[in-house]
Amino acid sequence: MSLTVTYGQPTAATVQREADRVRAKTNGAWTQAQGEVKERWGKLTDDDIKELDGRREVLIGKLQTRYALSYQEAERQVDDFDARRP
């Protein structure tokens, strides 16, 4: 996070604006990722995707359950997925 302030500490309003900007960017990235996750792992339900809420460990657990994968294989697939995303 980069804040540009000419003098002194950033104001509360500046910090809030920056937090809002980061939150909006993160929410947009997760919305896009949801579609990519559904495309990559079609056995995941809409409820599964909603439950993930961007949490990597939950995705690994869901992949283990839906695809009968070991933890290591599910983690490898998620690592590969993450590496291919911009």
N, C-alpha and C. Protein backbone atom coordinates (compact mmCIF):
# COMPACT_ATOMS: atom_id res chain seq x y z
N MET A 1 0.86 -1.16 0.00
CA MET A 1 0.00 0.00 0.00
C MET A 1 0.90 1.22 0.00
N SER A 2 0.66 2.12 -0.90
CA SER A 2 1.48 3.34 -0.93
C SER A 2 0.59 4.55 -0.71
N LEU A 3 0.98 5.34 0.24
CA LEU A 3 0.27 6.58 0.53
C LEU A 3 1.20 7.73 0.18
N THR A 4 0.66 8.70 -0.51
CA THR A 4 1.46 9.86 -0.87
C THR A 4 0.97 11.04 -0.05
N VAL A 5 1.82 11.47 0.84
CA VAL A 5 1.50 12.62 1.69
C VAL A 5 2.73 13.51 1.69
N THR A 6 2.52 14.77 1.45
CA THR A 6 3.63 15.69 1.35
C THR A 6 4.26 15.97 2.70
N TYR A 7 3.45 16.20 3.72
CA TYR A 7 3.97 16.56 5.03
C TYR A 7 3.31 15.72 6.11
N GLY A 8 4.09 15.26 7.06
CA GLY A 8 3.54 14.58 8.22
C GLY A 8 2.90 13.23 7.90
N GLN A 9 2.08 12.81 8.80
CA GLN A 9 1.39 11.53 8.69
C GLN A 9 0.13 11.66 7.83
N PRO A 10 -0.27 10.55 7.19
CA PRO A 10 -1.52 10.60 6.41
C PRO A 10 -2.71 10.85 7.34
N THR A 11 -3.70 11.53 6.81
CA THR A 11 -4.90 11.79 7.60
C THR A 11 -5.76 10.54 7.63
N ALA A 12 -6.69 10.50 8.55
CA ALA A 12 -7.61 9.37 8.64
C ALA A 12 -8.41 9.21 7.35
N ALA A 13 -8.78 10.32 6.74
CA ALA A 13 -9.54 10.27 5.49
C ALA A 13 -8.70 9.66 4.37
N THR A 14 -7.42 10.00 4.33
CA THR A 14 -6.53 9.44 3.31
C THR A 14 -6.36 7.94 3.50
N VAL A 15 -6.17 7.54 4.73
CA VAL A 15 -6.02 6.12 5.04
C VAL A 15 -7.31 5.37 4.68
N GLN A 16 -8.46 5.95 4.98
CA GLN A 16 -9.74 5.30 4.67
C GLN A 16 -9.93 5.17 3.16
N ARG A 17 -9.60 6.22 2.41
CA ARG A 17 -9.72 6.15 0.95
C ARG A 17 -8.83 5.05 0.38
N GLU A 18 -7.62 4.95 0.89
CA GLU A 18 -6.68 3.92 0.42
C GLU A 18 -7.21 2.53 0.79
N ALA A 19 -7.74 2.37 1.98
CA ALA A 19 -8.31 1.08 2.40
C ALA A 19 -9.49 0.72 1.51
N ASP A 20 -10.34 1.68 1.19
CA ASP A 20 -11.49 1.43 0.31
C ASP A 20 -11.02 1.02 -1.08
N ARG A 21 -9.98 1.67 -1.58
CA ARG A 21 -9.44 1.35 -2.90
C ARG A 21 -8.89 -0.07 -2.93
N VAL A 22 -8.13 -0.43 -1.91
CA VAL A 22 -7.55 -1.77 -1.85
C VAL A 22 -8.66 -2.82 -1.72
N ARG A 23 -9.67 -2.54 -0.90
CA ARG A 23 -10.79 -3.47 -0.72
C ARG A 23 -11.54 -3.68 -2.04
N ALA A 24 -11.78 -2.61 -2.78
CA ALA A 24 -12.48 -2.72 -4.06
C ALA A 24 -11.65 -3.53 -5.06
N LYS A 25 -10.36 -3.30 -5.07
CA LYS A 25 -9.48 -4.05 -5.98
C LYS A 25 -9.48 -5.53 -5.61
N THR A 26 -9.39 -5.83 -4.33
CA THR A 26 -9.38 -7.22 -3.87
C THR A 26 -10.71 -7.89 -4.18
N ASN A 27 -11.81 -7.21 -3.93
CA ASN A 27 -13.13 -7.78 -4.23
C ASN A 27 -13.27 -8.06 -5.73
N GLY A 28 -12.79 -7.16 -6.55
CA GLY A 28 -12.85 -7.36 -8.00
C GLY A 28 -12.01 -8.55 -8.43
N ALA A 29 -10.83 -8.68 -7.84
CA ALA A 29 -9.95 -9.81 -8.16
C ALA A 29 -10.60 -11.12 -7.75
N TRP A 30 -11.23 -11.16 -6.57
CA TRP A 30 -11.88 -12.39 -6.12
C TRP A 30 -13.08 -12.73 -7.00
N THR A 31 -13.83 -11.73 -7.42
CA THR A 31 -14.98 -11.98 -8.31
C THR A 31 -14.50 -12.62 -9.61
N GLN A 32 -13.43 -12.11 -10.17
CA GLN A 32 -12.87 -12.68 -11.39
C GLN A 32 -12.35 -14.08 -11.12
N ALA A 33 -11.67 -14.27 -10.02
CA ALA A 33 -11.10 -15.58 -9.68
C ALA A 33 -12.18 -16.63 -9.51
N GLN A 34 -13.34 -16.25 -9.00
CA GLN A 34 -14.43 -17.22 -8.80
C GLN A 34 -14.78 -17.89 -10.12
N GLY A 35 -14.90 -17.11 -11.17
CA GLY A 35 -15.22 -17.67 -12.48
C GLY A 35 -14.12 -18.59 -12.97
N GLU A 36 -12.87 -18.20 -12.74
CA GLU A 36 -11.75 -19.03 -13.16
C GLU A 36 -11.68 -20.32 -12.36
N VAL A 37 -12.01 -20.26 -11.08
CA VAL A 37 -12.02 -21.46 -10.23
C VAL A 37 -13.12 -22.41 -10.71
N LYS A 38 -14.30 -21.86 -10.99
CA LYS A 38 -15.40 -22.70 -11.48
C LYS A 38 -15.06 -23.34 -12.81
N GLU A 39 -14.37 -22.59 -13.68
CA GLU A 39 -13.97 -23.12 -14.98
C GLU A 39 -12.93 -24.23 -14.82
N ARG A 40 -11.98 -24.04 -13.93
CA ARG A 40 -10.88 -25.00 -13.74
C ARG A 40 -11.37 -26.25 -13.02
N TRP A 41 -12.20 -26.09 -12.00
CA TRP A 41 -12.67 -27.22 -11.20
C TRP A 41 -14.20 -27.25 -11.25
N GLY A 42 -14.73 -27.83 -12.30
CA GLY A 42 -16.17 -27.84 -12.56
C GLY A 42 -17.01 -28.58 -11.55
N LYS A 43 -16.40 -29.45 -10.75
CA LYS A 43 -17.18 -30.19 -9.75
C LYS A 43 -17.51 -29.34 -8.52
N LEU A 44 -16.87 -28.19 -8.39
CA LEU A 44 -17.19 -27.32 -7.26
C LEU A 44 -18.53 -26.65 -7.51
N THR A 45 -19.38 -26.67 -6.51
CA THR A 45 -20.71 -26.07 -6.63
C THR A 45 -20.64 -24.57 -6.37
N ASP A 46 -21.72 -23.89 -6.69
CA ASP A 46 -21.81 -22.45 -6.38
C ASP A 46 -21.66 -22.23 -4.88
N ASP A 47 -22.24 -23.12 -4.08
CA ASP A 47 -22.11 -23.00 -2.62
C ASP A 47 -20.65 -23.18 -2.19
N ASP A 48 -19.95 -24.12 -2.83
CA ASP A 48 -18.52 -24.30 -2.53
C ASP A 48 -17.76 -23.01 -2.80
N ILE A 49 -18.01 -22.43 -3.97
CA ILE A 49 -17.31 -21.20 -4.37
C ILE A 49 -17.60 -20.08 -3.38
N LYS A 50 -18.86 -19.96 -2.99
CA LYS A 50 -19.24 -18.91 -2.04
C LYS A 50 -18.54 -19.12 -0.70
N GLU A 51 -18.44 -20.37 -0.29
CA GLU A 51 -17.80 -20.69 0.99
C GLU A 51 -16.30 -20.39 0.98
N LEU A 52 -15.67 -20.48 -0.18
CA LEU A 52 -14.22 -20.24 -0.27
C LEU A 52 -13.85 -18.84 0.21
N ASP A 53 -14.59 -17.85 -0.27
CA ASP A 53 -14.35 -16.45 0.09
C ASP A 53 -12.87 -16.08 -0.02
N GLY A 54 -12.22 -16.62 -1.07
CA GLY A 54 -10.83 -16.27 -1.32
C GLY A 54 -9.82 -17.01 -0.45
N ARG A 55 -10.26 -17.96 0.34
CA ARG A 55 -9.36 -18.66 1.27
C ARG A 55 -8.76 -19.90 0.60
N ARG A 56 -7.46 -19.89 0.46
CA ARG A 56 -6.71 -20.94 -0.23
C ARG A 56 -6.89 -22.30 0.44
N GLU A 57 -6.78 -22.36 1.75
CA GLU A 57 -6.88 -23.63 2.48
C GLU A 57 -8.25 -24.27 2.31
N VAL A 58 -9.29 -23.45 2.25
CA VAL A 58 -10.64 -23.98 2.05
C VAL A 58 -10.74 -24.58 0.64
N LEU A 59 -10.16 -23.90 -0.35
CA LEU A 59 -10.15 -24.44 -1.71
C LEU A 59 -9.45 -25.78 -1.75
N ILE A 60 -8.31 -25.89 -1.10
CA ILE A 60 -7.58 -27.16 -1.07
C ILE A 60 -8.46 -28.26 -0.47
N GLY A 61 -9.13 -27.96 0.62
CA GLY A 61 -10.02 -28.94 1.25
C GLY A 61 -11.17 -29.34 0.35
N LYS A 62 -11.76 -28.37 -0.35
CA LYS A 62 -12.86 -28.68 -1.27
C LYS A 62 -12.38 -29.57 -2.41
N LEU A 63 -11.18 -29.29 -2.92
CA LEU A 63 -10.64 -30.12 -4.00
C LEU A 63 -10.38 -31.55 -3.52
N GLN A 64 -9.89 -31.68 -2.30
CA GLN A 64 -9.69 -33.02 -1.75
C GLN A 64 -11.00 -33.79 -1.71
N THR A 65 -12.05 -33.12 -1.28
CA THR A 65 -13.36 -33.77 -1.14
C THR A 65 -13.98 -34.08 -2.50
N ARG A 66 -14.07 -33.08 -3.36
CA ARG A 66 -14.79 -33.25 -4.64
C ARG A 66 -14.04 -34.12 -5.64
N TYR A 67 -12.71 -34.11 -5.58
CA TYR A 67 -11.91 -34.83 -6.58
C TYR A 67 -11.14 -36.01 -5.98
N ALA A 68 -11.34 -36.30 -4.71
CA ALA A 68 -10.65 -37.40 -4.03
C ALA A 68 -9.13 -37.28 -4.22
N LEU A 69 -8.61 -36.09 -3.93
CA LEU A 69 -7.18 -35.82 -4.08
C LEU A 69 -6.50 -35.85 -2.73
N SER A 70 -5.20 -36.15 -2.74
CA SER A 70 -4.41 -36.00 -1.53
C SER A 70 -4.24 -34.50 -1.27
N TYR A 71 -3.87 -34.17 -0.04
CA TYR A 71 -3.62 -32.76 0.28
C TYR A 71 -2.53 -32.22 -0.63
N GLN A 72 -1.47 -33.00 -0.82
CA GLN A 72 -0.34 -32.54 -1.63
C GLN A 72 -0.76 -32.27 -3.08
N GLU A 73 -1.58 -33.14 -3.65
CA GLU A 73 -2.02 -32.94 -5.03
C GLU A 73 -2.95 -31.73 -5.15
N ALA A 74 -3.85 -31.58 -4.21
CA ALA A 74 -4.75 -30.43 -4.22
C ALA A 74 -3.94 -29.14 -4.08
N GLU A 75 -2.98 -29.15 -3.20
CA GLU A 75 -2.13 -27.97 -3.00
C GLU A 75 -1.32 -27.68 -4.27
N ARG A 76 -0.80 -28.70 -4.94
CA ARG A 76 -0.06 -28.52 -6.18
C ARG A 76 -0.93 -27.88 -7.25
N GLN A 77 -2.18 -28.35 -7.35
CA GLN A 77 -3.10 -27.77 -8.35
C GLN A 77 -3.39 -26.31 -8.05
N VAL A 78 -3.58 -25.98 -6.79
CA VAL A 78 -3.85 -24.58 -6.41
C VAL A 78 -2.61 -23.72 -6.67
N ASP A 79 -1.42 -24.26 -6.36
CA ASP A 79 -0.18 -23.53 -6.64
C ASP A 79 -0.06 -23.25 -8.14
N ASP A 80 -0.36 -24.26 -8.95
CA ASP A 80 -0.30 -24.12 -10.41
C ASP A 80 -1.30 -23.07 -10.88
N PHE A 81 -2.51 -23.12 -10.34
CA PHE A 81 -3.55 -22.14 -10.67
C PHE A 81 -3.08 -20.72 -10.32
N ASP A 82 -2.54 -20.56 -9.11
CA ASP A 82 -2.06 -19.25 -8.68
C ASP A 82 -0.94 -18.74 -9.58
N ALA A 83 -0.05 -19.63 -9.98
CA ALA A 83 1.09 -19.23 -10.81
C ALA A 83 0.66 -18.74 -12.19
N ARG A 84 -0.45 -19.23 -12.68
CA ARG A 84 -0.92 -18.87 -14.02
C ARG A 84 -1.77 -17.59 -14.04
N ARG A 85 -2.18 -17.14 -12.85
CA ARG A 85 -3.00 -15.92 -12.78
C ARG A 85 -2.09 -14.70 -12.78
N PRO A 86 -2.56 -13.64 -13.43
CA PRO A 86 -1.75 -12.40 -13.46
C PRO A 86 -1.66 -11.72 -12.11
